[in-house]
Amino acid sequence: MIALSLPDPLTLSDTQQRGANCVWCAAPLANTAAHDLGARPLDAHGVSVLWFPRCCRTCQKAWS
């Protein structure tokens, strides 16, 4: 499976970083409508953490 190219997390709003809004279009996400894009590694101030981005179904179809 090829990992989708995501926006830089530092350029996203807090709600996009938390997965409450789509990483591409910023639409609010309900748990039933969100598509999990999988855990992604992220360097946060020298510490390796995992980031869990999500997107809406419209963007999922556009980027698939």
N, C-alpha and C. Protein backbone atom coordinates (compact mmCIF):
# COMPACT_ATOMS: atom_id res chain seq x y z
N MET A 1 0.84 -1.18 0.00
CA MET A 1 0.00 0.00 0.00
C MET A 1 0.89 1.24 0.00
N ILE A 2 0.61 2.20 -0.85
CA ILE A 2 1.38 3.42 -0.95
C ILE A 2 0.81 4.45 0.02
N ALA A 3 1.68 5.05 0.82
CA ALA A 3 1.23 6.07 1.76
C ALA A 3 0.93 7.36 1.01
N LEU A 4 -0.21 7.96 1.30
CA LEU A 4 -0.58 9.22 0.67
C LEU A 4 0.30 10.34 1.20
N SER A 5 0.61 11.27 0.33
CA SER A 5 1.37 12.44 0.74
C SER A 5 0.42 13.36 1.50
N LEU A 6 0.79 13.67 2.72
CA LEU A 6 -0.06 14.50 3.58
C LEU A 6 0.55 15.89 3.74
N PRO A 7 -0.28 16.88 4.06
CA PRO A 7 0.26 18.20 4.36
C PRO A 7 1.16 18.13 5.60
N ASP A 8 2.07 19.05 5.71
CA ASP A 8 2.92 19.14 6.88
C ASP A 8 2.03 19.40 8.10
N PRO A 9 2.11 18.57 9.14
CA PRO A 9 1.26 18.75 10.31
C PRO A 9 1.38 20.14 10.94
N LEU A 10 2.53 20.77 10.81
CA LEU A 10 2.72 22.10 11.40
C LEU A 10 1.92 23.17 10.67
N THR A 11 1.45 22.87 9.46
CA THR A 11 0.65 23.84 8.70
C THR A 11 -0.85 23.64 8.93
N LEU A 12 -1.22 22.60 9.68
CA LEU A 12 -2.63 22.26 9.89
C LEU A 12 -3.16 22.89 11.17
N SER A 13 -4.47 23.06 11.20
CA SER A 13 -5.11 23.58 12.42
C SER A 13 -5.06 22.50 13.50
N ASP A 14 -5.34 22.90 14.72
CA ASP A 14 -5.37 21.96 15.83
C ASP A 14 -6.39 20.84 15.58
N THR A 15 -7.55 21.19 15.04
CA THR A 15 -8.59 20.18 14.81
C THR A 15 -8.17 19.20 13.70
N GLN A 16 -7.41 19.67 12.71
CA GLN A 16 -6.91 18.77 11.68
C GLN A 16 -5.83 17.86 12.26
N GLN A 17 -4.97 18.39 13.09
CA GLN A 17 -3.93 17.59 13.72
C GLN A 17 -4.51 16.50 14.62
N ARG A 18 -5.63 16.81 15.29
CA ARG A 18 -6.26 15.84 16.20
C ARG A 18 -7.14 14.84 15.48
N GLY A 19 -7.39 15.05 14.19
CA GLY A 19 -8.25 14.13 13.44
C GLY A 19 -9.72 14.47 13.54
N ALA A 20 -10.05 15.63 14.11
CA ALA A 20 -11.45 16.05 14.20
C ALA A 20 -11.93 16.64 12.88
N ASN A 21 -10.98 17.12 12.06
CA ASN A 21 -11.29 17.68 10.75
C ASN A 21 -10.39 17.02 9.70
N CYS A 22 -10.86 16.99 8.47
CA CYS A 22 -10.12 16.40 7.36
C CYS A 22 -8.78 17.12 7.17
N VAL A 23 -7.71 16.34 6.93
CA VAL A 23 -6.38 16.94 6.76
C VAL A 23 -6.28 17.76 5.47
N TRP A 24 -7.14 17.49 4.48
CA TRP A 24 -7.06 18.23 3.22
C TRP A 24 -8.06 19.37 3.13
N CYS A 25 -9.32 19.13 3.38
CA CYS A 25 -10.34 20.18 3.16
C CYS A 25 -10.84 20.81 4.46
N ALA A 26 -10.42 20.29 5.59
CA ALA A 26 -10.77 20.81 6.92
C ALA A 26 -12.24 20.62 7.29
N ALA A 27 -12.96 19.77 6.56
CA ALA A 27 -14.35 19.48 6.91
C ALA A 27 -14.41 18.75 8.25
N PRO A 28 -15.38 19.10 9.11
CA PRO A 28 -15.55 18.38 10.38
C PRO A 28 -15.84 16.90 10.12
N LEU A 29 -15.28 16.04 10.96
CA LEU A 29 -15.44 14.60 10.78
C LEU A 29 -16.21 13.97 11.93
N ALA A 30 -17.22 13.19 11.59
CA ALA A 30 -17.88 12.34 12.57
C ALA A 30 -17.14 11.00 12.54
N ASN A 31 -17.12 10.30 13.64
CA ASN A 31 -16.38 9.03 13.67
C ASN A 31 -16.85 8.06 12.60
N THR A 32 -18.13 8.07 12.27
CA THR A 32 -18.65 7.14 11.27
C THR A 32 -18.28 7.54 9.85
N ALA A 33 -17.96 8.82 9.62
CA ALA A 33 -17.65 9.30 8.27
C ALA A 33 -16.16 9.49 8.03
N ALA A 34 -15.36 9.40 9.06
CA ALA A 34 -13.92 9.64 8.92
C ALA A 34 -13.21 8.41 8.37
N HIS A 35 -12.20 8.67 7.56
CA HIS A 35 -11.35 7.60 7.04
C HIS A 35 -9.98 7.74 7.69
N ASP A 36 -9.56 6.71 8.42
CA ASP A 36 -8.28 6.70 9.11
C ASP A 36 -7.17 6.51 8.08
N LEU A 37 -6.19 7.39 8.07
CA LEU A 37 -5.08 7.30 7.11
C LEU A 37 -3.88 6.57 7.68
N GLY A 38 -4.02 6.02 8.86
CA GLY A 38 -2.96 5.22 9.46
C GLY A 38 -1.97 6.05 10.26
N ALA A 39 -1.30 5.40 11.17
CA ALA A 39 -0.31 6.06 12.01
C ALA A 39 0.88 6.49 11.16
N ARG A 40 1.34 7.70 11.41
CA ARG A 40 2.49 8.26 10.68
C ARG A 40 3.51 8.76 11.70
N PRO A 41 4.79 8.47 11.47
CA PRO A 41 5.81 8.99 12.39
C PRO A 41 5.96 10.50 12.23
N LEU A 42 6.26 11.16 13.32
CA LEU A 42 6.41 12.61 13.33
C LEU A 42 7.44 12.98 14.38
N ASP A 43 8.38 13.85 14.00
CA ASP A 43 9.36 14.35 14.95
C ASP A 43 8.79 15.59 15.62
N ALA A 44 8.57 15.50 16.91
CA ALA A 44 8.02 16.63 17.66
C ALA A 44 9.04 17.07 18.70
N HIS A 45 9.77 18.13 18.37
CA HIS A 45 10.77 18.69 19.27
C HIS A 45 11.82 17.66 19.67
N GLY A 46 12.28 16.89 18.69
CA GLY A 46 13.33 15.91 18.94
C GLY A 46 12.84 14.57 19.48
N VAL A 47 11.55 14.43 19.64
CA VAL A 47 10.97 13.18 20.14
C VAL A 47 10.13 12.57 19.03
N SER A 48 10.32 11.28 18.78
CA SER A 48 9.55 10.61 17.75
C SER A 48 8.19 10.20 18.32
N VAL A 49 7.12 10.68 17.67
CA VAL A 49 5.76 10.36 18.09
C VAL A 49 4.99 9.85 16.88
N LEU A 50 3.81 9.32 17.12
CA LEU A 50 2.93 8.90 16.04
C LEU A 50 1.79 9.90 15.90
N TRP A 51 1.45 10.19 14.66
CA TRP A 51 0.37 11.09 14.30
C TRP A 51 -0.68 10.25 13.60
N PHE A 52 -1.96 10.46 13.89
CA PHE A 52 -3.05 9.66 13.34
C PHE A 52 -3.99 10.53 12.50
N PRO A 53 -3.58 10.89 11.28
CA PRO A 53 -4.42 11.76 10.43
C PRO A 53 -5.67 11.04 9.93
N ARG A 54 -6.72 11.83 9.67
CA ARG A 54 -7.96 11.30 9.12
C ARG A 54 -8.45 12.23 8.02
N CYS A 55 -9.30 11.71 7.15
CA CYS A 55 -9.87 12.53 6.08
C CYS A 55 -11.34 12.19 5.90
N CYS A 56 -12.02 13.04 5.13
CA CYS A 56 -13.43 12.80 4.83
C CYS A 56 -13.52 11.83 3.64
N ARG A 57 -14.69 11.29 3.42
CA ARG A 57 -14.88 10.33 2.32
C ARG A 57 -14.68 10.98 0.94
N THR A 58 -15.05 12.24 0.80
CA THR A 58 -14.86 12.95 -0.47
C THR A 58 -13.38 13.03 -0.82
N CYS A 59 -12.56 13.44 0.13
CA CYS A 59 -11.12 13.54 -0.12
C CYS A 59 -10.49 12.16 -0.28
N GLN A 60 -11.00 11.17 0.45
CA GLN A 60 -10.49 9.81 0.32
C GLN A 60 -10.65 9.33 -1.12
N LYS A 61 -11.83 9.59 -1.71
CA LYS A 61 -12.09 9.18 -3.10
C LYS A 61 -11.20 9.95 -4.07
N ALA A 62 -11.00 11.23 -3.81
CA ALA A 62 -10.18 12.07 -4.69
C ALA A 62 -8.72 11.68 -4.66
N TRP A 63 -8.24 11.21 -3.50
CA TRP A 63 -6.82 10.87 -3.37
C TRP A 63 -6.55 9.39 -3.56
N SER A 64 -7.57 8.57 -3.74
CA SER A 64 -7.36 7.12 -3.91
C SER A 64 -6.99 6.79 -5.33
